[in-house]
């Protein structure tokens, strides 16, 4: 796990808390997800939606759009996943 991905996990946890979702949604670090060609990745279960190329500025959009409102952020979705 590198420093950038650690920062993304911490930012995700912060955004979940601010959105009131920290008791419903778990942010968990993972090892290799075999999609490194897409950059930092995030998977939402049980929806099985895979996001790639995730940047710090994308986290609040994923939390608000997908986790709160149920709308997948298509521009970040990994094709075929």
PDB file of N, CA and C in Angstrom:
ATOM      1  N   UNK A   1       0.867  -1.168   0.000  1.00  0.00           N
ATOM      2  CA  UNK A   1       0.000   0.000   0.000  1.00  0.00           C
ATOM      3  C   UNK A   1       0.905   1.219   0.000  1.00  0.00           C
ATOM      4  N   UNK A   2       0.649   2.134  -0.906  1.00  0.00           N
ATOM      5  CA  UNK A   2       1.503   3.321  -0.945  1.00  0.00           C
ATOM      6  C   UNK A   2       0.845   4.499  -0.247  1.00  0.00           C
ATOM      7  N   UNK A   3       1.623   5.545  -0.116  1.00  0.00           N
ATOM      8  CA  UNK A   3       1.171   6.730   0.610  1.00  0.00           C
ATOM      9  C   UNK A   3      -0.086   7.338  -0.010  1.00  0.00           C
ATOM     10  N   UNK A   4      -0.154   7.378  -1.357  1.00  0.00           N
ATOM     11  CA  UNK A   4      -1.326   7.972  -2.021  1.00  0.00           C
ATOM     12  C   UNK A   4      -2.594   7.181  -1.716  1.00  0.00           C
ATOM     13  N   UNK A   5      -2.516   5.864  -1.768  1.00  0.00           N
ATOM     14  CA  UNK A   5      -3.717   5.072  -1.500  1.00  0.00           C
ATOM     15  C   UNK A   5      -4.101   5.154  -0.020  1.00  0.00           C
ATOM     16  N   UNK A   6      -3.118   5.227   0.878  1.00  0.00           N
ATOM     17  CA  UNK A   6      -3.436   5.419   2.297  1.00  0.00           C
ATOM     18  C   UNK A   6      -4.198   6.723   2.494  1.00  0.00           C
ATOM     19  N   UNK A   7      -3.767   7.770   1.798  1.00  0.00           N
ATOM     20  CA  UNK A   7      -4.459   9.059   1.896  1.00  0.00           C
ATOM     21  C   UNK A   7      -5.885   8.963   1.380  1.00  0.00           C
ATOM     22  N   UNK A   8      -6.102   8.209   0.297  1.00  0.00           N
ATOM     23  CA  UNK A   8      -7.458   8.044  -0.238  1.00  0.00           C
ATOM     24  C   UNK A   8      -8.358   7.333   0.765  1.00  0.00           C
ATOM     25  N   UNK A   9      -7.833   6.322   1.425  1.00  0.00           N
ATOM     26  CA  UNK A   9      -8.630   5.588   2.420  1.00  0.00           C
ATOM     27  C   UNK A   9      -9.007   6.520   3.572  1.00  0.00           C
ATOM     28  N   UNK A  10      -8.062   7.298   4.050  1.00  0.00           N
ATOM     29  CA  UNK A  10      -8.347   8.223   5.148  1.00  0.00           C
ATOM     30  C   UNK A  10      -9.368   9.281   4.730  1.00  0.00           C
ATOM     31  N   UNK A  11      -9.224   9.786   3.512  1.00  0.00           N
ATOM     32  CA  UNK A  11     -10.181  10.771   2.995  1.00  0.00           C
ATOM     33  C   UNK A  11     -11.563  10.154   2.857  1.00  0.00           C
ATOM     34  N   UNK A  12     -11.635   8.923   2.383  1.00  0.00           N
ATOM     35  CA  UNK A  12     -12.920   8.228   2.257  1.00  0.00           C
ATOM     36  C   UNK A  12     -13.575   8.065   3.627  1.00  0.00           C
ATOM     37  N   UNK A  13     -12.803   7.673   4.621  1.00  0.00           N
ATOM     38  CA  UNK A  13     -13.354   7.526   5.976  1.00  0.00           C
ATOM     39  C   UNK A  13     -13.885   8.856   6.494  1.00  0.00           C
ATOM     40  N   UNK A  14     -13.163   9.924   6.237  1.00  0.00           N
ATOM     41  CA  UNK A  14     -13.595  11.257   6.665  1.00  0.00           C
ATOM     42  C   UNK A  14     -14.899  11.652   5.972  1.00  0.00           C
ATOM     43  N   UNK A  15     -14.971  11.437   4.657  1.00  0.00           N
ATOM     44  CA  UNK A  15     -16.182  11.780   3.894  1.00  0.00           C
ATOM     45  C   UNK A  15     -17.372  10.936   4.347  1.00  0.00           C
ATOM     46  N   UNK A  16     -17.143   9.669   4.643  1.00  0.00           N
ATOM     47  CA  UNK A  16     -18.230   8.808   5.139  1.00  0.00           C
ATOM     48  C   UNK A  16     -18.764   9.329   6.465  1.00  0.00           C
ATOM     49  N   UNK A  17     -17.869   9.735   7.340  1.00  0.00           N
ATOM     50  CA  UNK A  17     -18.293  10.279   8.637  1.00  0.00           C
ATOM     51  C   UNK A  17     -19.094  11.559   8.446  1.00  0.00           C
ATOM     52  N   UNK A  18     -18.610  12.443   7.584  1.00  0.00           N
ATOM     53  CA  UNK A  18     -19.308  13.714   7.344  1.00  0.00           C
ATOM     54  C   UNK A  18     -20.682  13.492   6.712  1.00  0.00           C
ATOM     55  N   UNK A  19     -20.812  12.424   5.928  1.00  0.00           N
ATOM     56  CA  UNK A  19     -22.083  12.121   5.277  1.00  0.00           C
ATOM     57  C   UNK A  19     -23.012  11.313   6.184  1.00  0.00           C
ATOM     58  N   UNK A  20     -22.541  10.973   7.385  1.00  0.00           N
ATOM     59  CA  UNK A  20     -23.355  10.184   8.304  1.00  0.00           C
ATOM     60  C   UNK A  20     -23.450   8.722   7.921  1.00  0.00           C
ATOM     61  N   UNK A  21     -22.466   8.231   7.171  1.00  0.00           N
ATOM     62  CA  UNK A  21     -22.506   6.853   6.692  1.00  0.00           C
ATOM     63  C   UNK A  21     -21.490   5.937   7.358  1.00  0.00           C
ATOM     64  N   UNK A  22     -20.733   6.447   8.294  1.00  0.00           N
ATOM     65  CA  UNK A  22     -19.635   5.652   8.847  1.00  0.00           C
ATOM     66  C   UNK A  22     -20.097   4.407   9.599  1.00  0.00           C
ATOM     67  N   UNK A  23     -21.339   4.359  10.032  1.00  0.00           N
ATOM     68  CA  UNK A  23     -21.833   3.144  10.691  1.00  0.00           C
ATOM     69  C   UNK A  23     -22.459   2.172   9.699  1.00  0.00           C
ATOM     70  N   UNK A  24     -22.725   2.637   8.477  1.00  0.00           N
ATOM     71  CA  UNK A  24     -23.345   1.795   7.455  1.00  0.00           C
ATOM     72  C   UNK A  24     -22.370   1.308   6.393  1.00  0.00           C
ATOM     73  N   UNK A  25     -21.301   2.072   6.165  1.00  0.00           N
ATOM     74  CA  UNK A  25     -20.353   1.776   5.097  1.00  0.00           C
ATOM     75  C   UNK A  25     -18.965   1.634   5.705  1.00  0.00           C
ATOM     76  N   UNK A  26     -18.278   0.590   5.297  1.00  0.00           N
ATOM     77  CA  UNK A  26     -16.927   0.345   5.807  1.00  0.00           C
ATOM     78  C   UNK A  26     -15.902   0.647   4.726  1.00  0.00           C
ATOM     79  N   UNK A  27     -14.926   1.457   5.048  1.00  0.00           N
ATOM     80  CA  UNK A  27     -13.799   1.730   4.147  1.00  0.00           C
ATOM     81  C   UNK A  27     -12.651   0.848   4.591  1.00  0.00           C
ATOM     82  N   UNK A  28     -12.177   0.014   3.695  1.00  0.00           N
ATOM     83  CA  UNK A  28     -11.174  -0.988   4.036  1.00  0.00           C
ATOM     84  C   UNK A  28     -10.061  -0.971   2.996  1.00  0.00           C
ATOM     85  N   UNK A  29      -8.815  -0.959   3.453  1.00  0.00           N
ATOM     86  CA  UNK A  29      -7.678  -1.106   2.545  1.00  0.00           C
ATOM     87  C   UNK A  29      -7.649  -2.535   2.039  1.00  0.00           C
ATOM     88  N   UNK A  30      -7.140  -2.696   0.827  1.00  0.00           N
ATOM     89  CA  UNK A  30      -7.006  -4.032   0.246  1.00  0.00           C
ATOM     90  C   UNK A  30      -5.656  -4.133  -0.440  1.00  0.00           C
ATOM     91  N   UNK A  31      -5.230  -5.334  -0.670  1.00  0.00           N
ATOM     92  CA  UNK A  31      -4.023  -5.558  -1.448  1.00  0.00           C
ATOM     93  C   UNK A  31      -4.325  -5.329  -2.914  1.00  0.00           C
ATOM     94  N   UNK A  32      -3.578  -5.953  -3.748  1.00  0.00           N
ATOM     95  CA  UNK A  32      -3.744  -5.790  -5.190  1.00  0.00           C
ATOM     96  C   UNK A  32      -5.125  -6.271  -5.641  1.00  0.00           C
ATOM     97  N   UNK A  33      -5.792  -5.437  -6.424  1.00  0.00           N
ATOM     98  CA  UNK A  33      -7.103  -5.801  -6.972  1.00  0.00           C
ATOM     99  C   UNK A  33      -6.995  -6.225  -8.439  1.00  0.00           C
ATOM    100  N   UNK A  34      -5.753  -6.332  -8.940  1.00  0.00           N
ATOM    101  CA  UNK A  34      -5.478  -6.737 -10.325  1.00  0.00           C
ATOM    102  C   UNK A  34      -6.055  -5.787 -11.365  1.00  0.00           C
ATOM    103  N   UNK A  35      -6.139  -4.516 -11.029  1.00  0.00           N
ATOM    104  CA  UNK A  35      -6.589  -3.503 -11.986  1.00  0.00           C
ATOM    105  C   UNK A  35      -5.656  -2.292 -11.945  1.00  0.00           C
ATOM    106  N   UNK A  36      -4.368  -2.555 -11.693  1.00  0.00           N
ATOM    107  CA  UNK A  36      -3.419  -1.457 -11.505  1.00  0.00           C
ATOM    108  C   UNK A  36      -3.287  -0.565 -12.731  1.00  0.00           C
ATOM    109  N   UNK A  37      -3.645  -1.054 -13.904  1.00  0.00           N
ATOM    110  CA  UNK A  37      -3.595  -0.220 -15.109  1.00  0.00           C
ATOM    111  C   UNK A  37      -4.580   0.943 -15.050  1.00  0.00           C
ATOM    112  N   UNK A  38      -5.528   0.885 -14.127  1.00  0.00           N
ATOM    113  CA  UNK A  38      -6.515   1.963 -13.954  1.00  0.00           C
ATOM    114  C   UNK A  38      -6.148   2.919 -12.824  1.00  0.00           C
ATOM    115  N   UNK A  39      -4.999   2.718 -12.220  1.00  0.00           N
ATOM    116  CA  UNK A  39      -4.596   3.591 -11.113  1.00  0.00           C
ATOM    117  C   UNK A  39      -5.304   3.199  -9.835  1.00  0.00           C
ATOM    118  N   UNK A  40      -5.338   4.104  -8.855  1.00  0.00           N
ATOM    119  CA  UNK A  40      -6.001   3.783  -7.584  1.00  0.00           C
ATOM    120  C   UNK A  40      -7.450   3.333  -7.822  1.00  0.00           C
ATOM    121  N   UNK A  41      -7.803   2.211  -7.217  1.00  0.00           N
ATOM    122  CA  UNK A  41      -9.129   1.627  -7.433  1.00  0.00           C
ATOM    123  C   UNK A  41      -9.914   1.561  -6.133  1.00  0.00           C
ATOM    124  N   UNK A  42     -11.223   1.562  -6.294  1.00  0.00           N
ATOM    125  CA  UNK A  42     -12.158   1.486  -5.178  1.00  0.00           C
ATOM    126  C   UNK A  42     -13.297   0.587  -5.634  1.00  0.00           C
ATOM    127  N   UNK A  43     -13.695  -0.348  -4.799  1.00  0.00           N
ATOM    128  CA  UNK A  43     -14.798  -1.258  -5.126  1.00  0.00           C
ATOM    129  C   UNK A  43     -15.910  -1.055  -4.115  1.00  0.00           C
ATOM    130  N   UNK A  44     -17.138  -0.943  -4.607  1.00  0.00           N
ATOM    131  CA  UNK A  44     -18.310  -0.799  -3.738  1.00  0.00           C
ATOM    132  C   UNK A  44     -19.061  -2.128  -3.753  1.00  0.00           C
ATOM    133  N   UNK A  45     -19.108  -2.777  -2.590  1.00  0.00           N
ATOM    134  CA  UNK A  45     -19.872  -4.008  -2.421  1.00  0.00           C
ATOM    135  C   UNK A  45     -21.079  -3.705  -1.553  1.00  0.00           C
ATOM    136  N   UNK A  46     -22.205  -4.329  -1.735  1.00  0.00           N
ATOM    137  CA  UNK A  46     -22.442  -5.480  -2.583  1.00  0.00           C
ATOM    138  C   UNK A  46     -22.768  -5.121  -4.028  1.00  0.00           C
ATOM    139  N   UNK A  47     -22.703  -3.850  -4.390  1.00  0.00           N
ATOM    140  CA  UNK A  47     -23.042  -3.415  -5.749  1.00  0.00           C
ATOM    141  C   UNK A  47     -22.072  -3.942  -6.797  1.00  0.00           C
ATOM    142  N   UNK A  48     -20.856  -4.316  -6.393  1.00  0.00           N
ATOM    143  CA  UNK A  48     -19.807  -4.768  -7.288  1.00  0.00           C
ATOM    144  C   UNK A  48     -19.512  -3.745  -8.374  1.00  0.00           C
ATOM    145  N   UNK A  49     -19.422  -2.496  -7.975  1.00  0.00           N
ATOM    146  CA  UNK A  49     -19.038  -1.414  -8.878  1.00  0.00           C
ATOM    147  C   UNK A  49     -17.583  -1.085  -8.594  1.00  0.00           C
ATOM    148  N   UNK A  50     -16.768  -1.123  -9.643  1.00  0.00           N
ATOM    149  CA  UNK A  50     -15.344  -0.873  -9.533  1.00  0.00           C
ATOM    150  C   UNK A  50     -15.042   0.504 -10.121  1.00  0.00           C
ATOM    151  N   UNK A  51     -14.360   1.320  -9.338  1.00  0.00           N
ATOM    152  CA  UNK A  51     -13.935   2.639  -9.794  1.00  0.00           C
ATOM    153  C   UNK A  51     -12.422   2.651  -9.948  1.00  0.00           C
ATOM    154  N   UNK A  52     -11.946   3.281 -11.016  1.00  0.00           N
ATOM    155  CA  UNK A  52     -10.509   3.368 -11.255  1.00  0.00           C
ATOM    156  C   UNK A  52     -10.062   4.793 -11.480  1.00  0.00           C
ATOM    157  N   UNK A  53      -8.771   5.003 -11.309  1.00  0.00           N
ATOM    158  CA  UNK A  53      -8.214   6.331 -11.470  1.00  0.00           C
ATOM    159  C   UNK A  53      -8.751   7.304 -10.445  1.00  0.00           C
ATOM    160  N   UNK A  54      -9.079   6.784  -9.267  1.00  0.00           N
ATOM    161  CA  UNK A  54      -9.704   7.601  -8.223  1.00  0.00           C
ATOM    162  C   UNK A  54      -8.687   8.585  -7.655  1.00  0.00           C
ATOM    163  N   UNK A  55      -9.083   9.837  -7.623  1.00  0.00           N
ATOM    164  CA  UNK A  55      -8.266  10.921  -7.078  1.00  0.00           C
ATOM    165  C   UNK A  55      -8.966  11.476  -5.846  1.00  0.00           C
ATOM    166  N   UNK A  56      -8.219  12.192  -5.008  1.00  0.00           N
ATOM    167  CA  UNK A  56      -8.845  12.752  -3.804  1.00  0.00           C
ATOM    168  C   UNK A  56     -10.099  13.563  -4.105  1.00  0.00           C
ATOM    169  N   UNK A  57     -10.089  14.312  -5.182  1.00  0.00           N
ATOM    170  CA  UNK A  57     -11.250  15.141  -5.510  1.00  0.00           C
ATOM    171  C   UNK A  57     -12.465  14.329  -5.967  1.00  0.00           C
ATOM    172  N   UNK A  58     -12.297  13.030  -6.228  1.00  0.00           N
ATOM    173  CA  UNK A  58     -13.411  12.163  -6.633  1.00  0.00           C
ATOM    174  C   UNK A  58     -14.148  11.544  -5.451  1.00  0.00           C
ATOM    175  N   UNK A  59     -13.508  11.498  -4.304  1.00  0.00           N
ATOM    176  CA  UNK A  59     -14.069  10.785  -3.150  1.00  0.00           C
ATOM    177  C   UNK A  59     -15.427  11.333  -2.725  1.00  0.00           C
ATOM    178  N   UNK A  60     -15.555  12.641  -2.594  1.00  0.00           N
ATOM    179  CA  UNK A  60     -16.844  13.191  -2.144  1.00  0.00           C
ATOM    180  C   UNK A  60     -17.942  12.921  -3.163  1.00  0.00           C
ATOM    181  N   UNK A  61     -17.607  12.910  -4.459  1.00  0.00           N
ATOM    182  CA  UNK A  61     -18.612  12.597  -5.481  1.00  0.00           C
ATOM    183  C   UNK A  61     -19.066  11.142  -5.374  1.00  0.00           C
ATOM    184  N   UNK A  62     -18.133  10.240  -5.157  1.00  0.00           N
ATOM    185  CA  UNK A  62     -18.492   8.822  -5.004  1.00  0.00           C
ATOM    186  C   UNK A  62     -19.374   8.636  -3.775  1.00  0.00           C
ATOM    187  N   UNK A  63     -19.005   9.263  -2.676  1.00  0.00           N
ATOM    188  CA  UNK A  63     -19.807   9.134  -1.449  1.00  0.00           C
ATOM    189  C   UNK A  63     -21.205   9.700  -1.666  1.00  0.00           C
ATOM    190  N   UNK A  64     -21.300  10.910  -2.180  1.00  0.00           N
ATOM    191  CA  UNK A  64     -22.607  11.547  -2.355  1.00  0.00           C
ATOM    192  C   UNK A  64     -23.447  10.850  -3.424  1.00  0.00           C
ATOM    193  N   UNK A  65     -22.869  10.686  -4.605  1.00  0.00           N
ATOM    194  CA  UNK A  65     -23.638  10.151  -5.722  1.00  0.00           C
ATOM    195  C   UNK A  65     -23.967   8.668  -5.540  1.00  0.00           C
ATOM    196  N   UNK A  66     -22.948   7.856  -5.294  1.00  0.00           N
ATOM    197  CA  UNK A  66     -23.182   6.412  -5.237  1.00  0.00           C
ATOM    198  C   UNK A  66     -23.691   5.950  -3.873  1.00  0.00           C
ATOM    199  N   UNK A  67     -22.959   6.290  -2.832  1.00  0.00           N
ATOM    200  CA  UNK A  67     -23.294   5.733  -1.523  1.00  0.00           C
ATOM    201  C   UNK A  67     -24.519   6.369  -0.884  1.00  0.00           C
ATOM    202  N   UNK A  68     -24.758   7.637  -1.129  1.00  0.00           N
ATOM    203  CA  UNK A  68     -25.944   8.288  -0.550  1.00  0.00           C
ATOM    204  C   UNK A  68     -27.143   8.224  -1.495  1.00  0.00           C
ATOM    205  N   UNK A  69     -26.898   8.524  -2.793  1.00  0.00           N
ATOM    206  CA  UNK A  69     -28.010   8.656  -3.736  1.00  0.00           C
ATOM    207  C   UNK A  69     -28.225   7.437  -4.638  1.00  0.00           C
ATOM    208  N   UNK A  70     -27.308   6.455  -4.592  1.00  0.00           N
ATOM    209  CA  UNK A  70     -27.479   5.240  -5.383  1.00  0.00           C
ATOM    210  C   UNK A  70     -27.192   5.391  -6.861  1.00  0.00           C
ATOM    211  N   UNK A  71     -26.481   6.471  -7.245  1.00  0.00           N
ATOM    212  CA  UNK A  71     -26.150   6.684  -8.660  1.00  0.00           C
ATOM    213  C   UNK A  71     -24.665   6.431  -8.886  1.00  0.00           C
ATOM    214  N   UNK A  72     -24.350   5.471  -9.754  1.00  0.00           N
ATOM    215  CA  UNK A  72     -22.968   5.138 -10.069  1.00  0.00           C
ATOM    216  C   UNK A  72     -22.301   6.324 -10.758  1.00  0.00           C
ATOM    217  N   UNK A  73     -21.052   6.575 -10.415  1.00  0.00           N
ATOM    218  CA  UNK A  73     -20.266   7.630 -11.058  1.00  0.00           C
ATOM    219  C   UNK A  73     -19.631   6.994 -12.296  1.00  0.00           C
ATOM    220  N   UNK A  74     -20.342   7.052 -13.402  1.00  0.00           N
ATOM    221  CA  UNK A  74     -19.951   6.333 -14.620  1.00  0.00           C
ATOM    222  C   UNK A  74     -18.585   6.753 -15.154  1.00  0.00           C
ATOM    223  N   UNK A  75     -18.201   8.010 -15.013  1.00  0.00           N
ATOM    224  CA  UNK A  75     -16.928   8.465 -15.577  1.00  0.00           C
ATOM    225  C   UNK A  75     -15.727   7.800 -14.919  1.00  0.00           C
ATOM    226  N   UNK A  76     -15.912   7.227 -13.716  1.00  0.00           N
ATOM    227  CA  UNK A  76     -14.838   6.564 -13.003  1.00  0.00           C
ATOM    228  C   UNK A  76     -14.945   5.040 -13.037  1.00  0.00           C
ATOM    229  N   UNK A  77     -16.016   4.530 -13.575  1.00  0.00           N
ATOM    230  CA  UNK A  77     -16.257   3.090 -13.559  1.00  0.00           C
ATOM    231  C   UNK A  77     -15.257   2.368 -14.462  1.00  0.00           C
ATOM    232  N   UNK A  78     -14.706   1.269 -13.958  1.00  0.00           N
ATOM    233  CA  UNK A  78     -13.784   0.470 -14.742  1.00  0.00           C
ATOM    234  C   UNK A  78     -14.592  -0.392 -15.705  1.00  0.00           C
ATOM    235  N   UNK A  79     -14.311  -0.282 -17.009  1.00  0.00           N
ATOM    236  CA  UNK A  79     -15.070  -1.063 -17.994  1.00  0.00           C
ATOM    237  C   UNK A  79     -14.952  -2.568 -17.739  1.00  0.00           C
ATOM    238  N   UNK A  80     -16.075  -3.254 -17.850  1.00  0.00           N
ATOM    239  CA  UNK A  80     -16.088  -4.703 -17.713  1.00  0.00           C
ATOM    240  C   UNK A  80     -16.016  -5.208 -16.283  1.00  0.00           C
ATOM    241  N   UNK A  81     -16.064  -4.298 -15.338  1.00  0.00           N
ATOM    242  CA  UNK A  81     -16.016  -4.695 -13.931  1.00  0.00           C
ATOM    243  C   UNK A  81     -17.333  -4.409 -13.271  1.00  0.00           C
TER     244      UNK A  81
END
